C-alpha atoms as a PDB file:
ATOM      1  CA  MET A   1     239.797 176.558-105.614  1.00  0.00           C
ATOM      2  CA  LYS A   2     236.384 175.450-104.877  1.00  0.00           C
ATOM      3  CA  ARG A   3     238.010 172.468-103.049  1.00  0.00           C
ATOM      4  CA  THR A   4     240.251 174.599-100.990  1.00  0.00           C
ATOM      5  CA  GLN A   5     237.477 176.641 -99.974  1.00  0.00           C
ATOM      6  CA  VAL A   6     235.289 173.480 -99.032  1.00  0.00           C
ATOM      7  CA  LEU A   7     238.398 172.228 -96.866  1.00  0.00           C
ATOM      8  CA  SER A   8     238.835 175.566 -94.974  1.00  0.00           C
ATOM      9  CA  ALA A   9     234.976 175.304 -94.368  1.00  0.00           C
ATOM     10  CA  ALA A  10     235.097 172.514 -92.976  1.00  0.00           C
ATOM     11  CA  ALA A  11     238.046 173.009 -90.987  1.00  0.00           C
ATOM     12  CA  ALA A  12     236.374 176.105 -89.368  1.00  0.00           C
ATOM     13  CA  LEU A  13     233.057 174.076 -88.692  1.00  0.00           C
ATOM     14  CA  LEU A  14     235.407 171.563 -86.888  1.00  0.00           C
ATOM     15  CA  PHE A  15     236.981 174.242 -84.929  1.00  0.00           C
ATOM     16  CA  VAL A  16     233.779 175.819 -83.819  1.00  0.00           C
ATOM     17  CA  ALA A  17     232.121 172.517 -82.921  1.00  0.00           C
ATOM     18  CA  THR A  18     235.375 171.263 -80.801  1.00  0.00           C
ATOM     19  CA  ALA A  19     235.486 174.720 -78.806  1.00  0.00           C
ATOM     20  CA  ALA A  20     231.724 174.515 -78.328  1.00  0.00           C
ATOM     21  CA  GLN A  21     232.468 170.863 -76.924  1.00  0.00           C
ATOM     22  CA  ALA A  22     235.242 171.985 -74.749  1.00  0.00           C
ATOM     23  CA  GLN A  23     233.156 175.101 -73.526  1.00  0.00           C
ATOM     24  CA  ARG A  24     230.175 172.396 -72.329  1.00  0.00           C
ATOM     25  CA  GLY A  25     232.732 170.264 -70.699  1.00  0.00           C
ATOM     26  CA  GLN A  26     234.023 173.063 -68.734  1.00  0.00           C
ATOM     27  CA  ASP A  27     230.346 174.168 -68.151  1.00  0.00           C
ATOM     28  CA  ASP A  28     229.699 170.921 -66.787  1.00  0.00           C
ATOM     29  CA  ARG A  29     232.978 170.798 -64.421  1.00  0.00           C
ATOM     30  CA  ARG A  30     232.138 174.118 -63.022  1.00  0.00           C
ATOM     31  CA  GLY A  31     228.504 172.984 -62.563  1.00  0.00           C
ATOM     32  CA  GLN A  32     229.632 170.011 -60.541  1.00  0.00           C
ATOM     33  CA  ASP A  33     232.053 172.129 -58.511  1.00  0.00           C
ATOM     34  CA  ASP A  34     229.354 174.317 -57.569  1.00  0.00           C
ATOM     35  CA  ARG A  35     226.893 171.632 -56.618  1.00  0.00           C
ATOM     36  CA  ARG A  36     229.937 170.199 -54.436  1.00  0.00           C
ATOM     37  CA  GLY A  37     230.785 173.300 -52.878  1.00  0.00           C
ATOM     38  CA  ARG A  38     227.098 173.986 -51.827  1.00  0.00           C
ATOM     39  CA  GLN A  39     226.980 170.120 -50.072  1.00  0.00           C
ATOM     40  CA  ASP A  40     229.894 170.740 -48.292  1.00  0.00           C
ATOM     41  CA  GLN A  41     228.860 174.247 -46.980  1.00  0.00           C
ATOM     42  CA  ARG A  42     225.331 172.607 -45.986  1.00  0.00           C
ATOM     43  CA  ALA A  43     227.282 169.674 -44.286  1.00  0.00           C
ATOM     44  CA  GLN A  44     229.784 171.913 -42.489  1.00  0.00           C
ATOM     45  CA  VAL A  45     228.240 173.283 -39.402  1.00  0.00           C
ATOM     46  CA  SER A  46     230.401 176.286 -37.627  1.00  0.00           C
ATOM     47  CA  PRO A  47     231.527 175.955 -34.181  1.00  0.00           C
ATOM     48  CA  THR A  48     229.516 179.089 -33.423  1.00  0.00           C
ATOM     49  CA  ASP A  49     226.391 177.387 -34.719  1.00  0.00           C
ATOM     50  CA  GLU A  50     226.809 174.074 -32.952  1.00  0.00           C
ATOM     51  CA  GLN A  51     227.289 176.375 -29.813  1.00  0.00           C
ATOM     52  CA  ARG A  52     224.343 178.159 -30.513  1.00  0.00           C
ATOM     53  CA  HIS A  53     222.490 175.189 -30.920  1.00  0.00           C
ATOM     54  CA  SER A  54     223.624 173.660 -27.691  1.00  0.00           C
ATOM     55  CA  ASP A  55     222.711 176.607 -25.057  1.00  0.00           C
ATOM     56  CA  ASP A  56     219.149 176.781 -26.703  1.00  0.00           C
ATOM     57  CA  ASP A  57     218.999 173.179 -25.876  1.00  0.00           C
ATOM     58  CA  ARG A  58     220.308 173.614 -22.313  1.00  0.00           C
ATOM     59  CA  ARG A  59     217.949 177.025 -22.182  1.00  0.00           C
ATOM     60  CA  ARG A  60     214.523 174.908 -22.983  1.00  0.00           C
ATOM     61  CA  VAL A  61     215.766 172.430 -20.423  1.00  0.00           C
ATOM     62  CA  VAL A  62     216.229 174.664 -17.496  1.00  0.00           C
ATOM     63  CA  GLU A  63     213.191 176.588 -18.159  1.00  0.00           C
ATOM     64  CA  SER A  64     211.041 173.445 -18.673  1.00  0.00           C
ATOM     65  CA  GLN A  65     212.518 172.292 -15.130  1.00  0.00           C
ATOM     66  CA  GLN A  66     211.762 175.967 -13.770  1.00  0.00           C
ATOM     67  CA  ARG A  67     208.089 175.477 -14.735  1.00  0.00           C
ATOM     68  CA  ARG A  68     207.621 172.069 -13.320  1.00  0.00           C
ATOM     69  CA  VAL A  69     208.932 173.541  -9.783  1.00  0.00           C
ATOM     70  CA  GLU A  70     206.886 176.494 -10.403  1.00  0.00           C
ATOM     71  CA  GLN A  71     203.951 174.314 -11.173  1.00  0.00           C
ATOM     72  CA  ALA A  72     204.320 172.338  -7.924  1.00  0.00           C
ATOM     73  CA  ARG A  73     205.165 175.047  -5.570  1.00  0.00           C
ATOM     74  CA  ALA A  74     201.602 176.538  -6.969  1.00  0.00           C
ATOM     75  CA  GLU A  75     199.696 173.038  -6.021  1.00  0.00           C
ATOM     76  CA  GLN A  76     201.562 173.004  -2.653  1.00  0.00           C
ATOM     77  CA  ASP A  77     200.677 176.067  -1.604  1.00  0.00           C
ATOM     78  CA  GLU A  78     196.851 175.686  -2.803  1.00  0.00           C
ATOM     79  CA  ARG A  79     197.169 172.670  -0.514  1.00  0.00           C
ATOM     80  CA  LEU A  80     198.419 174.159   2.156  1.00  0.00           C
ATOM     81  CA  GLU A  81     195.931 176.987   1.947  1.00  0.00           C
ATOM     82  CA  GLN A  82     193.043 174.590   1.816  1.00  0.00           C
ATOM     83  CA  ALA A  83     193.988 172.584   4.829  1.00  0.00           C
ATOM     84  CA  GLN A  84     194.210 176.154   6.680  1.00  0.00           C
ATOM     85  CA  ARG A  85     190.926 176.836   5.558  1.00  0.00           C
ATOM     86  CA  ARG A  86     189.483 174.064   6.761  1.00  0.00           C
ATOM     87  CA  ALA A  87     191.248 174.171  10.130  1.00  0.00           C
ATOM     88  CA  GLN A  88     189.670 177.710  10.653  1.00  0.00           C
ATOM     89  CA  MET A  89     186.385 176.665   9.698  1.00  0.00           C
ATOM     90  CA  ASN A  90     186.577 173.565  11.999  1.00  0.00           C
ATOM     91  CA  ARG A  91     188.028 175.971  14.739  1.00  0.00           C
ATOM     92  CA  ALA A  92     184.985 178.098  14.462  1.00  0.00           C
ATOM     93  CA  TYR A  93     182.534 175.144  14.577  1.00  0.00           C
ATOM     94  CA  ASP A  94     184.166 174.045  17.993  1.00  0.00           C
ATOM     95  CA  ARG A  95     184.154 177.669  19.281  1.00  0.00           C
ATOM     96  CA  ASP A  96     180.246 177.833  18.643  1.00  0.00           C
ATOM     97  CA  ARG A  97     179.536 174.370  19.937  1.00  0.00           C
ATOM     98  CA  ASP A  98     178.714 175.469  23.502  1.00  0.00           C
ATOM     99  CA  ASP A  99     176.400 178.502  22.596  1.00  0.00           C
ATOM    100  CA  ARG A 100     174.379 176.944  20.635  1.00  0.00           C
ATOM    101  CA  PRO A 101     170.613 175.981  21.840  1.00  0.00           C
ATOM    102  CA  GLY A 102     169.750 172.310  22.316  1.00  0.00           C
ATOM    103  CA  TYR A 103     169.335 169.944  19.633  1.00  0.00           C
ATOM    104  CA  ASP A 104     165.603 169.635  18.031  1.00  0.00           C
ATOM    105  CA  TYR A 105     166.552 167.754  14.912  1.00  0.00           C
ATOM    106  CA  ARG A 106     167.934 164.767  13.494  1.00  0.00           C
ATOM    107  CA  TYR A 107     168.920 164.340   9.820  1.00  0.00           C
ATOM    108  CA  ASN A 108     170.019 161.547   7.403  1.00  0.00           C
ATOM    109  CA  MET A 109     173.462 161.581   6.233  1.00  0.00           C
ATOM    110  CA  GLY A 110     173.712 158.294   3.960  1.00  0.00           C
ATOM    111  CA  GLY A 111     172.192 156.545   6.418  1.00  0.00           C
ATOM    112  CA  VAL A 112     173.795 157.879   9.380  1.00  0.00           C
ATOM    113  CA  TYR A 113     171.745 160.133  12.025  1.00  0.00           C
ATOM    114  CA  ARG A 114     173.154 163.345  13.093  1.00  0.00           C
ATOM    115  CA  GLU A 115     171.594 166.117  15.439  1.00  0.00           C
ATOM    116  CA  THR A 116     171.572 169.705  15.260  1.00  0.00           C
ATOM    117  CA  ASN A 117     169.382 172.850  15.931  1.00  0.00           C
ATOM    118  CA  GLN A 118     167.331 175.098  13.574  1.00  0.00           C
ATOM    119  CA  TYR A 119     170.621 177.211  12.480  1.00  0.00           C
ATOM    120  CA  GLY A 120     172.146 173.784  11.675  1.00  0.00           C
ATOM    121  CA  VAL A 121     169.045 172.826   9.634  1.00  0.00           C
ATOM    122  CA  ASP A 122     169.245 176.436   7.871  1.00  0.00           C
ATOM    123  CA  ALA A 123     173.130 175.694   6.892  1.00  0.00           C
ATOM    124  CA  LEU A 124     172.042 172.301   5.726  1.00  0.00           C
ATOM    125  CA  ARG A 125     169.253 173.518   3.718  1.00  0.00           C
ATOM    126  CA  GLN A 126     171.972 176.267   2.285  1.00  0.00           C
ATOM    127  CA  ALA A 127     174.066 173.372   1.496  1.00  0.00           C
ATOM    128  CA  VAL A 128     172.034 171.565  -0.799  1.00  0.00           C
ATOM    129  CA  ASP A 129     170.479 174.901  -2.646  1.00  0.00           C
ATOM    130  CA  LEU A 130     173.657 176.102  -3.383  1.00  0.00           C
ATOM    131  CA  GLY A 131     175.158 173.118  -4.669  1.00  0.00           C
ATOM    132  CA  TYR A 132     171.920 172.502  -6.788  1.00  0.00           C
ATOM    133  CA  GLN A 133     172.941 176.068  -8.145  1.00  0.00           C
ATOM    134  CA  GLN A 134     176.326 175.171  -9.013  1.00  0.00           C
ATOM    135  CA  GLY A 135     175.876 171.776 -10.091  1.00  0.00           C
ATOM    136  CA  TYR A 136     172.974 173.740 -12.565  1.00  0.00           C
ATOM    137  CA  ARG A 137     175.701 175.814 -13.646  1.00  0.00           C
ATOM    138  CA  ALA A 138     177.840 173.178 -14.606  1.00  0.00           C
ATOM    139  CA  GLY A 139     175.684 170.846 -16.212  1.00  0.00           C
ATOM    140  CA  GLN A 140     174.562 174.062 -18.470  1.00  0.00           C
ATOM    141  CA  ILE A 141     178.198 174.299 -19.201  1.00  0.00           C
ATOM    142  CA  ASP A 142     178.914 170.791 -20.425  1.00  0.00           C
ATOM    143  CA  ARG A 143     175.483 170.285 -22.203  1.00  0.00           C
ATOM    144  CA  ARG A 144     176.079 173.293 -24.423  1.00  0.00           C
ATOM    145  CA  ASN A 145     179.825 172.320 -24.921  1.00  0.00           C
ATOM    146  CA  GLY A 146     178.876 168.987 -25.887  1.00  0.00           C
ATOM    147  CA  ALA A 147     180.668 167.195 -23.004  1.00  0.00           C
ATOM    148  CA  PRO A 148     179.623 163.695 -21.795  1.00  0.00           C
ATOM    149  CA  ALA A 149     177.698 163.960 -18.487  1.00  0.00           C
ATOM    150  CA  ASP A 150     179.796 163.764 -15.543  1.00  0.00           C
ATOM    151  CA  TYR A 151     179.038 165.852 -12.660  1.00  0.00           C
ATOM    152  CA  GLN A 152     182.012 164.377 -10.642  1.00  0.00           C
ATOM    153  CA  ARG A 153     184.764 165.734 -12.681  1.00  0.00           C
ATOM    154  CA  ALA A 154     183.078 169.424 -11.481  1.00  0.00           C
ATOM    155  CA  PHE A 155     185.505 171.083  -9.167  1.00  0.00           C
ATOM    156  CA  ASP A 156     182.641 172.554  -7.230  1.00  0.00           C
ATOM    157  CA  TYR A 157     181.407 168.918  -6.796  1.00  0.00           C
ATOM    158  CA  GLN A 158     185.048 167.825  -5.483  1.00  0.00           C
ATOM    159  CA  ASN A 159     185.678 170.741  -3.498  1.00  0.00           C
ATOM    160  CA  GLY A 160     182.019 170.883  -1.798  1.00  0.00           C
ATOM    161  CA  GLU A 161     182.776 173.863   0.469  1.00  0.00           C
ATOM    162  CA  TYR A 162     180.926 176.294  -1.456  1.00  0.00           C
ATOM    163  CA  GLY A 163     179.085 178.810   1.257  1.00  0.00           C
ATOM    164  CA  TYR A 164     180.548 176.966   4.099  1.00  0.00           C
ATOM    165  CA  THR A 165     181.064 179.095   7.002  1.00  0.00           C
ATOM    166  CA  GLY A 166     182.071 176.896   9.706  1.00  0.00           C
ATOM    167  CA  SER A 167     179.415 177.262  11.955  1.00  0.00           C
ATOM    168  CA  TYR A 168     176.826 175.059  13.345  1.00  0.00           C
ATOM    169  CA  VAL A 169     177.544 172.003  11.306  1.00  0.00           C
ATOM    170  CA  PRO A 170     180.380 169.869  10.471  1.00  0.00           C
ATOM    171  CA  GLN A 171     182.127 171.049   7.258  1.00  0.00           C
ATOM    172  CA  SER A 172     182.011 167.118   6.508  1.00  0.00           C
ATOM    173  CA  ASP A 173     178.110 166.925   6.545  1.00  0.00           C
ATOM    174  CA  TYR A 174     177.767 170.669   4.904  1.00  0.00           C
ATOM    175  CA  ASN A 175     180.186 168.835   1.802  1.00  0.00           C
ATOM    176  CA  TYR A 176     177.964 166.106   1.650  1.00  0.00           C
ATOM    177  CA  TYR A 177     174.643 167.977   1.034  1.00  0.00           C
ATOM    178  CA  VAL A 178     176.766 170.513  -1.113  1.00  0.00           C
ATOM    179  CA  ARG A 179     177.227 167.386  -3.463  1.00  0.00           C
ATOM    180  CA  GLU A 180     174.090 165.883  -2.970  1.00  0.00           C
ATOM    181  CA  GLY A 181     172.450 169.488  -4.407  1.00  0.00           C
ATOM    182  CA  PHE A 182     174.839 169.576  -7.001  1.00  0.00           C
ATOM    183  CA  GLN A 183     173.792 166.018  -8.612  1.00  0.00           C
ATOM    184  CA  ARG A 184     170.576 166.985  -8.777  1.00  0.00           C
ATOM    185  CA  GLY A 185     170.947 170.327 -10.526  1.00  0.00           C
ATOM    186  CA  TYR A 186     173.509 169.180 -12.623  1.00  0.00           C
ATOM    187  CA  ASP A 187     171.228 166.561 -13.963  1.00  0.00           C
ATOM    188  CA  ASP A 188     168.557 169.080 -14.404  1.00  0.00           C
ATOM    189  CA  ALA A 189     170.162 171.104 -16.327  1.00  0.00           C
ATOM    190  CA  TYR A 190     172.055 168.970 -18.627  1.00  0.00           C
ATOM    191  CA  TRP A 191     169.134 166.484 -19.465  1.00  0.00           C
ATOM    192  CA  ASN A 192     166.961 170.089 -19.688  1.00  0.00           C
ATOM    193  CA  ARG A 193     164.400 169.069 -17.190  1.00  0.00           C
ATOM    194  CA  ALA A 194     163.057 170.388 -13.735  1.00  0.00           C
ATOM    195  CA  ARG A 195     163.015 167.054 -11.672  1.00  0.00           C
ATOM    196  CA  TYR A 196     164.128 168.457  -8.720  1.00  0.00           C
ATOM    197  CA  GLY A 197     164.100 172.429  -9.123  1.00  0.00           C
ATOM    198  CA  THR A 198     163.282 175.070 -11.075  1.00  0.00           C
ATOM    199  CA  PHE A 199     165.145 177.776 -13.586  1.00  0.00           C
ATOM    200  CA  TYR A 200     163.475 181.109 -13.820  1.00  0.00           C
ATOM    201  CA  ASN A 201     164.891 184.226 -14.957  1.00  0.00           C
ATOM    202  CA  GLY A 202     168.378 183.048 -14.692  1.00  0.00           C
ATOM    203  CA  ASN A 203     168.291 181.666 -11.129  1.00  0.00           C
ATOM    204  CA  ALA A 204     168.132 178.087 -10.743  1.00  0.00           C
ATOM    205  CA  SER A 205     166.432 176.721  -7.249  1.00  0.00           C
ATOM    206  CA  ILE A 206     166.044 173.220  -5.750  1.00  0.00           C
ATOM    207  CA  LEU A 207     162.364 172.360  -4.470  1.00  0.00           C
ATOM    208  CA  SER A 208     161.785 172.673  -0.621  1.00  0.00           C
ATOM    209  CA  ASP A 209     160.439 169.053  -0.294  1.00  0.00           C
ATOM    210  CA  ILE A 210     163.535 167.831  -2.487  1.00  0.00           C
ATOM    211  CA  VAL A 211     165.688 169.363   0.173  1.00  0.00           C
ATOM    212  CA  SER A 212     163.339 167.763   2.958  1.00  0.00           C
ATOM    213  CA  GLY A 213     163.750 164.422   1.129  1.00  0.00           C
ATOM    214  CA  ILE A 214     167.573 164.773   1.027  1.00  0.00           C
ATOM    215  CA  LEU A 215     168.082 165.772   4.741  1.00  0.00           C
ATOM    216  CA  GLY A 216     165.591 163.505   6.248  1.00  0.00           C
ATOM    217  CA  LEU A 217     164.950 165.845   8.622  1.00  0.00           C
ATOM    218  CA  THR A 218     162.967 164.429  11.911  1.00  0.00           C
ATOM    219  CA  MET A 219     162.062 166.605  15.188  1.00  0.00           C
ATOM    220  CA  ILE A 220     163.629 165.470  18.313  1.00  0.00           C
ATOM    221  CA  ARG A 221     161.070 167.224  20.550  1.00  0.00           C
END
């Protein structure tokens, strides 16, 4: 009797173990099938997705080309505007030439001497002073931002037209003296000194004797 019961219990345990093992095998196969399914799903891209990605790429290329065209057009318009402004100023200078009083002064522009009248002298003094003011502001900004000292990269220095009205002196001469003042203003501000001018109550001003030295003015008569 006991032996029969023991055999029955052993058979039951064997059946349970066999069933559990079979269930684990089935679960393992189901897990593998699920993983393969997810991998296949990731590997497959629907034609709709491919088309959408292709359209996005083409749209980005077109937008980039449009931006380049617009930038080139803006730069061309700016160059044309500057050329027109210079031509207008030069015409104004030529138009005023016959109405000027006789030349009374000679100024030194980098070793080249030019002649002008009192109005021209005033215009050149203005060029140096305005250049100093613009240079001082640029030097302050670079010093505050910790940028390396380089006055030549500033737009106002490269342009040199600040304040030019087209009267009494050629634009090239005016631009030259704007840059002369700009360099000195920049140096004073960047190095925090007052070698060429003063800075008081938010206003920068170049010293009059520095201006005279830059212009190299002499009386003709």
